[in-house]
mmCIF file of all heavy atoms, coordinates in Angstrom:
data_MODEL
# 
_entry.id   MODEL 
# 
loop_
_atom_site.group_PDB 
_atom_site.id 
_atom_site.type_symbol 
_atom_site.label_atom_id 
_atom_site.label_alt_id 
_atom_site.label_comp_id 
_atom_site.label_asym_id 
_atom_site.label_entity_id 
_atom_site.label_seq_id 
_atom_site.pdbx_PDB_ins_code 
_atom_site.Cartn_x 
_atom_site.Cartn_y 
_atom_site.Cartn_z 
_atom_site.occupancy 
_atom_site.B_iso_or_equiv 
_atom_site.pdbx_formal_charge 
_atom_site.auth_seq_id 
_atom_site.auth_comp_id 
_atom_site.auth_asym_id 
_atom_site.auth_atom_id 
_atom_site.pdbx_PDB_model_num 
ATOM 1   N N   . ALA A 1 1  ? 14.204 -2.667  4.067   1.00 0.00 ? 1  ALA A N   1 
ATOM 2   C CA  . ALA A 1 1  ? 13.299 -3.073  5.140   1.00 0.00 ? 1  ALA A CA  1 
ATOM 3   C C   . ALA A 1 1  ? 13.733 -4.411  5.719   1.00 0.00 ? 1  ALA A C   1 
ATOM 4   O O   . ALA A 1 1  ? 14.244 -5.271  4.998   1.00 0.00 ? 1  ALA A O   1 
ATOM 5   C CB  . ALA A 1 1  ? 11.874 -3.197  4.615   1.00 0.00 ? 1  ALA A CB  1 
ATOM 6   N N   . ASN A 1 2  ? 13.517 -4.570  7.027   1.00 0.00 ? 2  ASN A N   1 
ATOM 7   C CA  . ASN A 1 2  ? 13.752 -5.870  7.667   1.00 0.00 ? 2  ASN A CA  1 
ATOM 8   C C   . ASN A 1 2  ? 12.815 -6.926  7.116   1.00 0.00 ? 2  ASN A C   1 
ATOM 9   O O   . ASN A 1 2  ? 13.162 -8.090  7.030   1.00 0.00 ? 2  ASN A O   1 
ATOM 10  C CB  . ASN A 1 2  ? 13.550 -5.779  9.180   1.00 0.00 ? 2  ASN A CB  1 
ATOM 11  C CG  . ASN A 1 2  ? 14.718 -5.147  9.883   1.00 0.00 ? 2  ASN A CG  1 
ATOM 12  O OD1 . ASN A 1 2  ? 15.846 -5.179  9.397   1.00 0.00 ? 2  ASN A OD1 1 
ATOM 13  N ND2 . ASN A 1 2  ? 14.455 -4.557  11.032  1.00 0.00 ? 2  ASN A ND2 1 
ATOM 14  N N   . ASN A 1 3  ? 11.597 -6.500  6.762   1.00 0.00 ? 3  ASN A N   1 
ATOM 15  C CA  . ASN A 1 3  ? 10.604 -7.417  6.201   1.00 0.00 ? 3  ASN A CA  1 
ATOM 16  C C   . ASN A 1 3  ? 9.829  -6.650  5.137   1.00 0.00 ? 3  ASN A C   1 
ATOM 17  O O   . ASN A 1 3  ? 8.997  -5.804  5.454   1.00 0.00 ? 3  ASN A O   1 
ATOM 18  C CB  . ASN A 1 3  ? 9.678  -7.923  7.306   1.00 0.00 ? 3  ASN A CB  1 
ATOM 19  C CG  . ASN A 1 3  ? 8.699  -8.968  6.824   1.00 0.00 ? 3  ASN A CG  1 
ATOM 20  O OD1 . ASN A 1 3  ? 8.084  -8.826  5.776   1.00 0.00 ? 3  ASN A OD1 1 
ATOM 21  N ND2 . ASN A 1 3  ? 8.541  -10.019 7.611   1.00 0.00 ? 3  ASN A ND2 1 
ATOM 22  N N   . ILE A 1 4  ? 10.127 -6.939  3.875   1.00 0.00 ? 4  ILE A N   1 
ATOM 23  C CA  . ILE A 1 4  ? 9.509  -6.216  2.762   1.00 0.00 ? 4  ILE A CA  1 
ATOM 24  C C   . ILE A 1 4  ? 7.982  -6.307  2.823   1.00 0.00 ? 4  ILE A C   1 
ATOM 25  O O   . ILE A 1 4  ? 7.283  -5.308  2.654   1.00 0.00 ? 4  ILE A O   1 
ATOM 26  C CB  . ILE A 1 4  ? 10.008 -6.781  1.412   1.00 0.00 ? 4  ILE A CB  1 
ATOM 27  C CG1 . ILE A 1 4  ? 11.503 -6.524  1.247   1.00 0.00 ? 4  ILE A CG1 1 
ATOM 28  C CG2 . ILE A 1 4  ? 9.227  -6.213  0.242   1.00 0.00 ? 4  ILE A CG2 1 
ATOM 29  C CD1 . ILE A 1 4  ? 11.877 -5.099  1.008   1.00 0.00 ? 4  ILE A CD1 1 
ATOM 30  N N   . ASN A 1 5  ? 7.457  -7.486  3.085   1.00 0.00 ? 5  ASN A N   1 
ATOM 31  C CA  . ASN A 1 5  ? 6.017  -7.673  3.129   1.00 0.00 ? 5  ASN A CA  1 
ATOM 32  C C   . ASN A 1 5  ? 5.383  -6.765  4.175   1.00 0.00 ? 5  ASN A C   1 
ATOM 33  O O   . ASN A 1 5  ? 4.398  -6.081  3.904   1.00 0.00 ? 5  ASN A O   1 
ATOM 34  C CB  . ASN A 1 5  ? 5.686  -9.150  3.400   1.00 0.00 ? 5  ASN A CB  1 
ATOM 35  C CG  . ASN A 1 5  ? 4.222  -9.436  3.241   1.00 0.00 ? 5  ASN A CG  1 
ATOM 36  O OD1 . ASN A 1 5  ? 3.420  -9.036  4.075   1.00 0.00 ? 5  ASN A OD1 1 
ATOM 37  N ND2 . ASN A 1 5  ? 3.877  -10.133 2.164   1.00 0.00 ? 5  ASN A ND2 1 
ATOM 38  N N   . HIS A 1 6  ? 5.947  -6.717  5.369   1.00 0.00 ? 6  HIS A N   1 
ATOM 39  C CA  . HIS A 1 6  ? 5.393  -5.868  6.434   1.00 0.00 ? 6  HIS A CA  1 
ATOM 40  C C   . HIS A 1 6  ? 5.527  -4.388  6.096   1.00 0.00 ? 6  HIS A C   1 
ATOM 41  O O   . HIS A 1 6  ? 4.634  -3.601  6.403   1.00 0.00 ? 6  HIS A O   1 
ATOM 42  C CB  . HIS A 1 6  ? 6.061  -6.169  7.768   1.00 0.00 ? 6  HIS A CB  1 
ATOM 43  C CG  . HIS A 1 6  ? 5.657  -7.494  8.328   1.00 0.00 ? 6  HIS A CG  1 
ATOM 44  N ND1 . HIS A 1 6  ? 6.023  -7.916  9.581   1.00 0.00 ? 6  HIS A ND1 1 
ATOM 45  C CD2 . HIS A 1 6  ? 4.931  -8.508  7.811   1.00 0.00 ? 6  HIS A CD2 1 
ATOM 46  C CE1 . HIS A 1 6  ? 5.534  -9.129  9.808   1.00 0.00 ? 6  HIS A CE1 1 
ATOM 47  N NE2 . HIS A 1 6  ? 4.876  -9.498  8.744   1.00 0.00 ? 6  HIS A NE2 1 
ATOM 48  N N   . ARG A 1 7  ? 6.652  -3.998  5.482   1.00 0.00 ? 7  ARG A N   1 
ATOM 49  C CA  . ARG A 1 7  ? 6.865  -2.591  5.138   1.00 0.00 ? 7  ARG A CA  1 
ATOM 50  C C   . ARG A 1 7  ? 5.755  -2.083  4.223   1.00 0.00 ? 7  ARG A C   1 
ATOM 51  O O   . ARG A 1 7  ? 5.297  -0.958  4.341   1.00 0.00 ? 7  ARG A O   1 
ATOM 52  C CB  . ARG A 1 7  ? 8.224  -2.435  4.466   1.00 0.00 ? 7  ARG A CB  1 
ATOM 53  C CG  . ARG A 1 7  ? 8.529  -1.078  3.827   1.00 0.00 ? 7  ARG A CG  1 
ATOM 54  C CD  . ARG A 1 7  ? 8.699  0.070   4.817   1.00 0.00 ? 7  ARG A CD  1 
ATOM 55  N NE  . ARG A 1 7  ? 9.612  -0.192  5.880   1.00 0.00 ? 7  ARG A NE  1 
ATOM 56  C CZ  . ARG A 1 7  ? 10.904 0.085   5.903   1.00 0.00 ? 7  ARG A CZ  1 
ATOM 57  N NH1 . ARG A 1 7  ? 11.464 0.648   4.869   1.00 0.00 ? 7  ARG A NH1 1 
ATOM 58  N NH2 . ARG A 1 7  ? 11.640 -0.190  6.946   1.00 0.00 ? 7  ARG A NH2 1 
ATOM 59  N N   . PHE A 1 8  ? 5.298  -2.917  3.312   1.00 0.00 ? 8  PHE A N   1 
ATOM 60  C CA  . PHE A 1 8  ? 4.321  -2.479  2.325   1.00 0.00 ? 8  PHE A CA  1 
ATOM 61  C C   . PHE A 1 8  ? 2.876  -2.694  2.737   1.00 0.00 ? 8  PHE A C   1 
ATOM 62  O O   . PHE A 1 8  ? 1.970  -2.217  2.055   1.00 0.00 ? 8  PHE A O   1 
ATOM 63  C CB  . PHE A 1 8  ? 4.607  -3.144  0.971   1.00 0.00 ? 8  PHE A CB  1 
ATOM 64  C CG  . PHE A 1 8  ? 5.748  -2.485  0.253   1.00 0.00 ? 8  PHE A CG  1 
ATOM 65  C CD1 . PHE A 1 8  ? 7.047  -2.892  0.485   1.00 0.00 ? 8  PHE A CD1 1 
ATOM 66  C CD2 . PHE A 1 8  ? 5.521  -1.441  -0.622  1.00 0.00 ? 8  PHE A CD2 1 
ATOM 67  C CE1 . PHE A 1 8  ? 8.107  -2.281  -0.155  1.00 0.00 ? 8  PHE A CE1 1 
ATOM 68  C CE2 . PHE A 1 8  ? 6.570  -0.819  -1.274  1.00 0.00 ? 8  PHE A CE2 1 
ATOM 69  C CZ  . PHE A 1 8  ? 7.871  -1.236  -1.040  1.00 0.00 ? 8  PHE A CZ  1 
ATOM 70  N N   . GLU A 1 9  ? 2.610  -3.365  3.864   1.00 0.00 ? 9  GLU A N   1 
ATOM 71  C CA  . GLU A 1 9  ? 1.227  -3.538  4.318   1.00 0.00 ? 9  GLU A CA  1 
ATOM 72  C C   . GLU A 1 9  ? 0.531  -2.198  4.521   1.00 0.00 ? 9  GLU A C   1 
ATOM 73  O O   . GLU A 1 9  ? -0.606 -2.008  4.090   1.00 0.00 ? 9  GLU A O   1 
ATOM 74  C CB  . GLU A 1 9  ? 1.186  -4.351  5.616   1.00 0.00 ? 9  GLU A CB  1 
ATOM 75  C CG  . GLU A 1 9  ? 1.357  -5.827  5.411   1.00 0.00 ? 9  GLU A CG  1 
ATOM 76  C CD  . GLU A 1 9  ? 1.353  -6.591  6.737   1.00 0.00 ? 9  GLU A CD  1 
ATOM 77  O OE1 . GLU A 1 9  ? 1.217  -5.975  7.823   1.00 0.00 ? 9  GLU A OE1 1 
ATOM 78  O OE2 . GLU A 1 9  ? 1.485  -7.818  6.679   1.00 0.00 ? 9  GLU A OE2 1 
ATOM 79  N N   . GLU A 1 10 ? 1.201  -1.263  5.198   1.00 0.00 ? 10 GLU A N   1 
ATOM 80  C CA  . GLU A 1 10 ? 0.608  0.055   5.441   1.00 0.00 ? 10 GLU A CA  1 
ATOM 81  C C   . GLU A 1 10 ? 0.426  0.822   4.143   1.00 0.00 ? 10 GLU A C   1 
ATOM 82  O O   . GLU A 1 10 ? -0.533 1.569   3.989   1.00 0.00 ? 10 GLU A O   1 
ATOM 83  C CB  . GLU A 1 10 ? 1.464  0.861   6.424   1.00 0.00 ? 10 GLU A CB  1 
ATOM 84  C CG  . GLU A 1 10 ? 1.424  0.322   7.837   1.00 0.00 ? 10 GLU A CG  1 
ATOM 85  C CD  . GLU A 1 10 ? 0.012  0.301   8.410   1.00 0.00 ? 10 GLU A CD  1 
ATOM 86  O OE1 . GLU A 1 10 ? -0.728 1.287   8.247   1.00 0.00 ? 10 GLU A OE1 1 
ATOM 87  O OE2 . GLU A 1 10 ? -0.359 -0.719  9.027   1.00 0.00 ? 10 GLU A OE2 1 
ATOM 88  N N   . ARG A 1 11 ? 1.341  0.645   3.217   1.00 0.00 ? 11 ARG A N   1 
ATOM 89  C CA  . ARG A 1 11 ? 1.211  1.330   1.928   1.00 0.00 ? 11 ARG A CA  1 
ATOM 90  C C   . ARG A 1 11 ? -0.027 0.830   1.178   1.00 0.00 ? 11 ARG A C   1 
ATOM 91  O O   . ARG A 1 11 ? -0.743 1.622   0.565   1.00 0.00 ? 11 ARG A O   1 
ATOM 92  C CB  . ARG A 1 11 ? 2.474  1.137   1.114   1.00 0.00 ? 11 ARG A CB  1 
ATOM 93  C CG  . ARG A 1 11 ? 3.651  1.915   1.699   1.00 0.00 ? 11 ARG A CG  1 
ATOM 94  C CD  . ARG A 1 11 ? 4.900  1.713   0.874   1.00 0.00 ? 11 ARG A CD  1 
ATOM 95  N NE  . ARG A 1 11 ? 5.927  2.654   1.279   1.00 0.00 ? 11 ARG A NE  1 
ATOM 96  C CZ  . ARG A 1 11 ? 6.959  2.356   2.037   1.00 0.00 ? 11 ARG A CZ  1 
ATOM 97  N NH1 . ARG A 1 11 ? 7.115  1.132   2.483   1.00 0.00 ? 11 ARG A NH1 1 
ATOM 98  N NH2 . ARG A 1 11 ? 7.843  3.267   2.353   1.00 0.00 ? 11 ARG A NH2 1 
ATOM 99  N N   . LEU A 1 12 ? -0.269 -0.465  1.230   1.00 0.00 ? 12 LEU A N   1 
ATOM 100 C CA  . LEU A 1 12 ? -1.472 -1.000  0.585   1.00 0.00 ? 12 LEU A CA  1 
ATOM 101 C C   . LEU A 1 12 ? -2.732 -0.453  1.240   1.00 0.00 ? 12 LEU A C   1 
ATOM 102 O O   . LEU A 1 12 ? -3.706 -0.122  0.573   1.00 0.00 ? 12 LEU A O   1 
ATOM 103 C CB  . LEU A 1 12 ? -1.493 -2.522  0.645   1.00 0.00 ? 12 LEU A CB  1 
ATOM 104 C CG  . LEU A 1 12 ? -0.666 -3.269  -0.378  1.00 0.00 ? 12 LEU A CG  1 
ATOM 105 C CD1 . LEU A 1 12 ? -0.892 -4.766  -0.252  1.00 0.00 ? 12 LEU A CD1 1 
ATOM 106 C CD2 . LEU A 1 12 ? -0.971 -2.819  -1.781  1.00 0.00 ? 12 LEU A CD2 1 
ATOM 107 N N   . ARG A 1 13 ? -2.702 -0.365  2.549   1.00 0.00 ? 13 ARG A N   1 
ATOM 108 C CA  . ARG A 1 13 ? -3.860 0.162   3.283   1.00 0.00 ? 13 ARG A CA  1 
ATOM 109 C C   . ARG A 1 13 ? -4.131 1.606   2.843   1.00 0.00 ? 13 ARG A C   1 
ATOM 110 O O   . ARG A 1 13 ? -5.278 1.985   2.592   1.00 0.00 ? 13 ARG A O   1 
ATOM 111 C CB  . ARG A 1 13 ? -3.604 0.092   4.786   1.00 0.00 ? 13 ARG A CB  1 
ATOM 112 C CG  . ARG A 1 13 ? -4.827 0.410   5.614   1.00 0.00 ? 13 ARG A CG  1 
ATOM 113 C CD  . ARG A 1 13 ? -4.622 0.116   7.098   1.00 0.00 ? 13 ARG A CD  1 
ATOM 114 N NE  . ARG A 1 13 ? -4.440 -1.318  7.296   1.00 0.00 ? 13 ARG A NE  1 
ATOM 115 C CZ  . ARG A 1 13 ? -3.343 -1.871  7.841   1.00 0.00 ? 13 ARG A CZ  1 
ATOM 116 N NH1 . ARG A 1 13 ? -2.360 -1.119  8.266   1.00 0.00 ? 13 ARG A NH1 1 
ATOM 117 N NH2 . ARG A 1 13 ? -3.258 -3.173  7.986   1.00 0.00 ? 13 ARG A NH2 1 
ATOM 118 N N   . ALA A 1 14 ? -3.076 2.401   2.701   1.00 0.00 ? 14 ALA A N   1 
ATOM 119 C CA  . ALA A 1 14 ? -3.249 3.790   2.261   1.00 0.00 ? 14 ALA A CA  1 
ATOM 120 C C   . ALA A 1 14 ? -3.799 3.861   0.844   1.00 0.00 ? 14 ALA A C   1 
ATOM 121 O O   . ALA A 1 14 ? -4.671 4.687   0.555   1.00 0.00 ? 14 ALA A O   1 
ATOM 122 C CB  . ALA A 1 14 ? -1.915 4.536   2.351   1.00 0.00 ? 14 ALA A CB  1 
ATOM 123 N N   . VAL A 1 15 ? -3.330 2.998   -0.036  1.00 0.00 ? 15 VAL A N   1 
ATOM 124 C CA  . VAL A 1 15 ? -3.829 2.974   -1.416  1.00 0.00 ? 15 VAL A CA  1 
ATOM 125 C C   . VAL A 1 15 ? -5.324 2.666   -1.418  1.00 0.00 ? 15 VAL A C   1 
ATOM 126 O O   . VAL A 1 15 ? -6.108 3.308   -2.129  1.00 0.00 ? 15 VAL A O   1 
ATOM 127 C CB  . VAL A 1 15 ? -3.040 1.944   -2.268  1.00 0.00 ? 15 VAL A CB  1 
ATOM 128 C CG1 . VAL A 1 15 ? -3.732 1.670   -3.590  1.00 0.00 ? 15 VAL A CG1 1 
ATOM 129 C CG2 . VAL A 1 15 ? -1.619 2.440   -2.508  1.00 0.00 ? 15 VAL A CG2 1 
ATOM 130 N N   . ARG A 1 16 ? -5.740 1.707   -0.603  1.00 0.00 ? 16 ARG A N   1 
ATOM 131 C CA  . ARG A 1 16 ? -7.168 1.377   -0.513  1.00 0.00 ? 16 ARG A CA  1 
ATOM 132 C C   . ARG A 1 16 ? -7.962 2.554   0.040   1.00 0.00 ? 16 ARG A C   1 
ATOM 133 O O   . ARG A 1 16 ? -9.010 2.919   -0.488  1.00 0.00 ? 16 ARG A O   1 
ATOM 134 C CB  . ARG A 1 16 ? -7.374 0.143   0.376   1.00 0.00 ? 16 ARG A CB  1 
ATOM 135 C CG  . ARG A 1 16 ? -7.052 -1.164  -0.299  1.00 0.00 ? 16 ARG A CG  1 
ATOM 136 C CD  . ARG A 1 16 ? -7.513 -2.351  0.527   1.00 0.00 ? 16 ARG A CD  1 
ATOM 137 N NE  . ARG A 1 16 ? -6.942 -2.390  1.862   1.00 0.00 ? 16 ARG A NE  1 
ATOM 138 C CZ  . ARG A 1 16 ? -5.805 -3.011  2.187   1.00 0.00 ? 16 ARG A CZ  1 
ATOM 139 N NH1 . ARG A 1 16 ? -5.120 -3.640  1.276   1.00 0.00 ? 16 ARG A NH1 1 
ATOM 140 N NH2 . ARG A 1 16 ? -5.363 -3.012  3.422   1.00 0.00 ? 16 ARG A NH2 1 
ATOM 141 N N   . GLU A 1 17 ? -7.471 3.139   1.136   1.00 0.00 ? 17 GLU A N   1 
ATOM 142 C CA  . GLU A 1 17 ? -8.211 4.210   1.799   1.00 0.00 ? 17 GLU A CA  1 
ATOM 143 C C   . GLU A 1 17 ? -8.294 5.478   0.957   1.00 0.00 ? 17 GLU A C   1 
ATOM 144 O O   . GLU A 1 17 ? -9.294 6.192   0.999   1.00 0.00 ? 17 GLU A O   1 
ATOM 145 C CB  . GLU A 1 17 ? -7.571 4.506   3.162   1.00 0.00 ? 17 GLU A CB  1 
ATOM 146 C CG  . GLU A 1 17 ? -7.789 3.372   4.154   1.00 0.00 ? 17 GLU A CG  1 
ATOM 147 C CD  . GLU A 1 17 ? -7.005 3.532   5.437   1.00 0.00 ? 17 GLU A CD  1 
ATOM 148 O OE1 . GLU A 1 17 ? -6.243 4.513   5.572   1.00 0.00 ? 17 GLU A OE1 1 
ATOM 149 O OE2 . GLU A 1 17 ? -7.142 2.655   6.318   1.00 0.00 ? 17 GLU A OE2 1 
ATOM 150 N N   . PHE A 1 18 ? -7.262 5.784   0.200   1.00 0.00 ? 18 PHE A N   1 
ATOM 151 C CA  . PHE A 1 18 ? -7.283 6.969   -0.649  1.00 0.00 ? 18 PHE A CA  1 
ATOM 152 C C   . PHE A 1 18 ? -8.065 6.747   -1.930  1.00 0.00 ? 18 PHE A C   1 
ATOM 153 O O   . PHE A 1 18 ? -8.360 7.693   -2.651  1.00 0.00 ? 18 PHE A O   1 
ATOM 154 C CB  . PHE A 1 18 ? -5.861 7.435   -0.987  1.00 0.00 ? 18 PHE A CB  1 
ATOM 155 C CG  . PHE A 1 18 ? -5.190 8.161   0.140   1.00 0.00 ? 18 PHE A CG  1 
ATOM 156 C CD1 . PHE A 1 18 ? -4.016 7.675   0.672   1.00 0.00 ? 18 PHE A CD1 1 
ATOM 157 C CD2 . PHE A 1 18 ? -5.730 9.330   0.664   1.00 0.00 ? 18 PHE A CD2 1 
ATOM 158 C CE1 . PHE A 1 18 ? -3.385 8.338   1.710   1.00 0.00 ? 18 PHE A CE1 1 
ATOM 159 C CE2 . PHE A 1 18 ? -5.105 9.996   1.704   1.00 0.00 ? 18 PHE A CE2 1 
ATOM 160 C CZ  . PHE A 1 18 ? -3.926 9.503   2.231   1.00 0.00 ? 18 PHE A CZ  1 
ATOM 161 N N   . GLY A 1 19 ? -8.394 5.506   -2.239  1.00 0.00 ? 19 GLY A N   1 
ATOM 162 C CA  . GLY A 1 19 ? -9.212 5.218   -3.413  1.00 0.00 ? 19 GLY A CA  1 
ATOM 163 C C   . GLY A 1 19 ? -8.512 5.450   -4.743  1.00 0.00 ? 19 GLY A C   1 
ATOM 164 O O   . GLY A 1 19 ? -9.141 5.917   -5.694  1.00 0.00 ? 19 GLY A O   1 
ATOM 165 N N   . PHE A 1 20 ? -7.240 5.139   -4.819  1.00 0.00 ? 20 PHE A N   1 
ATOM 166 C CA  . PHE A 1 20 ? -6.531 5.282   -6.080  1.00 0.00 ? 20 PHE A CA  1 
ATOM 167 C C   . PHE A 1 20 ? -7.215 4.462   -7.168  1.00 0.00 ? 20 PHE A C   1 
ATOM 168 O O   . PHE A 1 20 ? -7.703 3.363   -6.923  1.00 0.00 ? 20 PHE A O   1 
ATOM 169 C CB  . PHE A 1 20 ? -5.072 4.836   -5.946  1.00 0.00 ? 20 PHE A CB  1 
ATOM 170 C CG  . PHE A 1 20 ? -4.224 5.808   -5.181  1.00 0.00 ? 20 PHE A CG  1 
ATOM 171 C CD1 . PHE A 1 20 ? -3.901 5.565   -3.860  1.00 0.00 ? 20 PHE A CD1 1 
ATOM 172 C CD2 . PHE A 1 20 ? -3.753 6.955   -5.790  1.00 0.00 ? 20 PHE A CD2 1 
ATOM 173 C CE1 . PHE A 1 20 ? -3.120 6.451   -3.146  1.00 0.00 ? 20 PHE A CE1 1 
ATOM 174 C CE2 . PHE A 1 20 ? -2.962 7.853   -5.085  1.00 0.00 ? 20 PHE A CE2 1 
ATOM 175 C CZ  . PHE A 1 20 ? -2.649 7.604   -3.765  1.00 0.00 ? 20 PHE A CZ  1 
ATOM 176 N N   . ARG A 1 21 ? -7.224 5.001   -8.371  1.00 0.00 ? 21 ARG A N   1 
ATOM 177 C CA  . ARG A 1 21 ? -7.842 4.319   -9.500  1.00 0.00 ? 21 ARG A CA  1 
ATOM 178 C C   . ARG A 1 21 ? -6.858 3.323   -10.126 1.00 0.00 ? 21 ARG A C   1 
ATOM 179 O O   . ARG A 1 21 ? -5.638 3.438   -9.955  1.00 0.00 ? 21 ARG A O   1 
ATOM 180 C CB  . ARG A 1 21 ? -8.290 5.337   -10.533 1.00 0.00 ? 21 ARG A CB  1 
ATOM 181 C CG  . ARG A 1 21 ? -9.380 6.266   -9.993  1.00 0.00 ? 21 ARG A CG  1 
ATOM 182 C CD  . ARG A 1 21 ? -9.719 7.292   -11.025 1.00 0.00 ? 21 ARG A CD  1 
ATOM 183 N NE  . ARG A 1 21 ? -8.501 8.026   -11.382 1.00 0.00 ? 21 ARG A NE  1 
ATOM 184 C CZ  . ARG A 1 21 ? -8.397 9.335   -11.465 1.00 0.00 ? 21 ARG A CZ  1 
ATOM 185 N NH1 . ARG A 1 21 ? -9.432 10.078  -11.259 1.00 0.00 ? 21 ARG A NH1 1 
ATOM 186 N NH2 . ARG A 1 21 ? -7.268 9.917   -11.772 1.00 0.00 ? 21 ARG A NH2 1 
ATOM 187 N N   . ASN A 1 22 ? -7.391 2.370   -10.862 1.00 0.00 ? 22 ASN A N   1 
ATOM 188 C CA  . ASN A 1 22 ? -6.563 1.349   -11.499 1.00 0.00 ? 22 ASN A CA  1 
ATOM 189 C C   . ASN A 1 22 ? -5.488 1.947   -12.396 1.00 0.00 ? 22 ASN A C   1 
ATOM 190 O O   . ASN A 1 22 ? -4.352 1.479   -12.400 1.00 0.00 ? 22 ASN A O   1 
ATOM 191 C CB  . ASN A 1 22 ? -7.420 0.384   -12.315 1.00 0.00 ? 22 ASN A CB  1 
ATOM 192 C CG  . ASN A 1 22 ? -8.242 -0.524  -11.432 1.00 0.00 ? 22 ASN A CG  1 
ATOM 193 O OD1 . ASN A 1 22 ? -8.140 -0.492  -10.210 1.00 0.00 ? 22 ASN A OD1 1 
ATOM 194 N ND2 . ASN A 1 22 ? -9.081 -1.326  -12.059 1.00 0.00 ? 22 ASN A ND2 1 
ATOM 195 N N   . ASN A 1 23 ? -5.809 2.990   -13.165 1.00 0.00 ? 23 ASN A N   1 
ATOM 196 C CA  . ASN A 1 23 ? -4.821 3.549   -14.079 1.00 0.00 ? 23 ASN A CA  1 
ATOM 197 C C   . ASN A 1 23 ? -3.649 4.186   -13.322 1.00 0.00 ? 23 ASN A C   1 
ATOM 198 O O   . ASN A 1 23 ? -2.553 4.291   -13.858 1.00 0.00 ? 23 ASN A O   1 
ATOM 199 C CB  . ASN A 1 23 ? -5.447 4.536   -15.057 1.00 0.00 ? 23 ASN A CB  1 
ATOM 200 C CG  . ASN A 1 23 ? -6.000 5.777   -14.370 1.00 0.00 ? 23 ASN A CG  1 
ATOM 201 O OD1 . ASN A 1 23 ? -6.405 5.727   -13.216 1.00 0.00 ? 23 ASN A OD1 1 
ATOM 202 N ND2 . ASN A 1 23 ? -6.042 6.880   -15.099 1.00 0.00 ? 23 ASN A ND2 1 
ATOM 203 N N   . GLU A 1 24 ? -3.863 4.613   -12.077 1.00 0.00 ? 24 GLU A N   1 
ATOM 204 C CA  . GLU A 1 24 ? -2.765 5.140   -11.261 1.00 0.00 ? 24 GLU A CA  1 
ATOM 205 C C   . GLU A 1 24 ? -1.927 3.993   -10.685 1.00 0.00 ? 24 GLU A C   1 
ATOM 206 O O   . GLU A 1 24 ? -0.702 4.061   -10.672 1.00 0.00 ? 24 GLU A O   1 
ATOM 207 C CB  . GLU A 1 24 ? -3.326 6.002   -10.125 1.00 0.00 ? 24 GLU A CB  1 
ATOM 208 C CG  . GLU A 1 24 ? -4.044 7.229   -10.619 1.00 0.00 ? 24 GLU A CG  1 
ATOM 209 C CD  . GLU A 1 24 ? -4.916 7.870   -9.559  1.00 0.00 ? 24 GLU A CD  1 
ATOM 210 O OE1 . GLU A 1 24 ? -5.540 7.141   -8.766  1.00 0.00 ? 24 GLU A OE1 1 
ATOM 211 O OE2 . GLU A 1 24 ? -4.965 9.103   -9.547  1.00 0.00 ? 24 GLU A OE2 1 
# 
């Protein structure tokens, strides 16, 4: 990625929205 932080922002948003549990 050109910017690692920006690349993973959307991934974090998806993790929040999908409601992944802590153990996952």
